[in-house]
Amino acid sequence: MIRSMTGYGKAECELAQKKVTIEVKSLNSKQLDVNTRIPGVYRDKEIEIRREISDKLIRGKVDLSLYTESLGVDSNSAINSSVVKNYFNQLSEISAELGLPVNELTLQMVMQLPEVVKTSREELDENEWKIILAAIREALKALDVFRLQEGLSLYNDTIINLNAITSLLEQIKPYEQERTDKVKDRIMDGLKELSSPDGVDNNRLEQEMIFYLEKLDFNEEKVRLSNHCSYFLETLELDEPVGKKLGFIAQEIGREINTLGSKANHTEIQKLVIGMKDALERIKEQLLNAL
């Protein structure tokens, strides 16, 4: 079943001291375009994350965000007490020389000075990473399910419009003989105005009419259009990414429809061709989001 490139997936996991949340969003794009927002401690794993995304999602503009929330009292940040004491002593001496009081405001000033709070770099635990990686895969799987659901709507709408094209193609048949007769009558009327019947070479006239009618014949275009529609339907049923392939087939369908219109020479057939073009445009709009 065809998939949409639009999707959303989310997964969570809890570790010893923190909760990790992964969100993945995707939109349509001509190729795979990945953007990640992850904490610094996991930067070494970014290539692995991108590989997982490319293996599962194939194509689309993908945004992956990884958030962490502390569950315990442990923190990577701590007050550097020796620096605080040193700052406080220096400020106390300066205050004494200036005759200024030393109180809690002095300590507040100290806490705003550089290097008062030191932050230690968190080390990546490989066992924790395995749990996080499993959650990333779960989020990607949820996004793929979302894409499949969106693809079902895309599939149904595409089928409706493809059926509209084939139905309109069938409606051309009743007008074909009338169209041919009108062309013949128009040629004969033109000849009558230009010359007398005695001055017409009937053999040459017959040859010219055959040439003209063959030029206007669109039976081949009808057959090719029908075949393209059948091939489009077969491709649509494949269980693989077919969005680009369907786009190429849609271009061929459009080419045959345009040729039908240029050869129509009949008002009702032109109306049917316009209906085909309208249905094809709706198909193309859907295919922009097809994986």
Foldseek 3Di string as FASTA:
>chain_A
DWFFQFFKFKFWDDDDWKIKIKIKTWFFDPFEAEAEAEDPQCPVCVVVLVVLCCVQRVGTHMYMYMDMGTRDDDFQKDFPVVQLVVQLVVVVVVCVVVVHDRDVVSSVVSCPDPPRMDGDDDHDDVVVVVVVVVRSNNRSVNGRVRRVVVVVVLLVLLVVLLVLLVVLLVVCVVCPVVQLVVVVVVVVVVVVVVDPPVPDDVVVVVVVSVVVVVVLDLPVLSVVLVVLSVVLVVLSPDPDQCLVVNVVSLVSNVVSLVSCCVSVNDDVNVVSSVSSVVSSVVNNVSSSRID
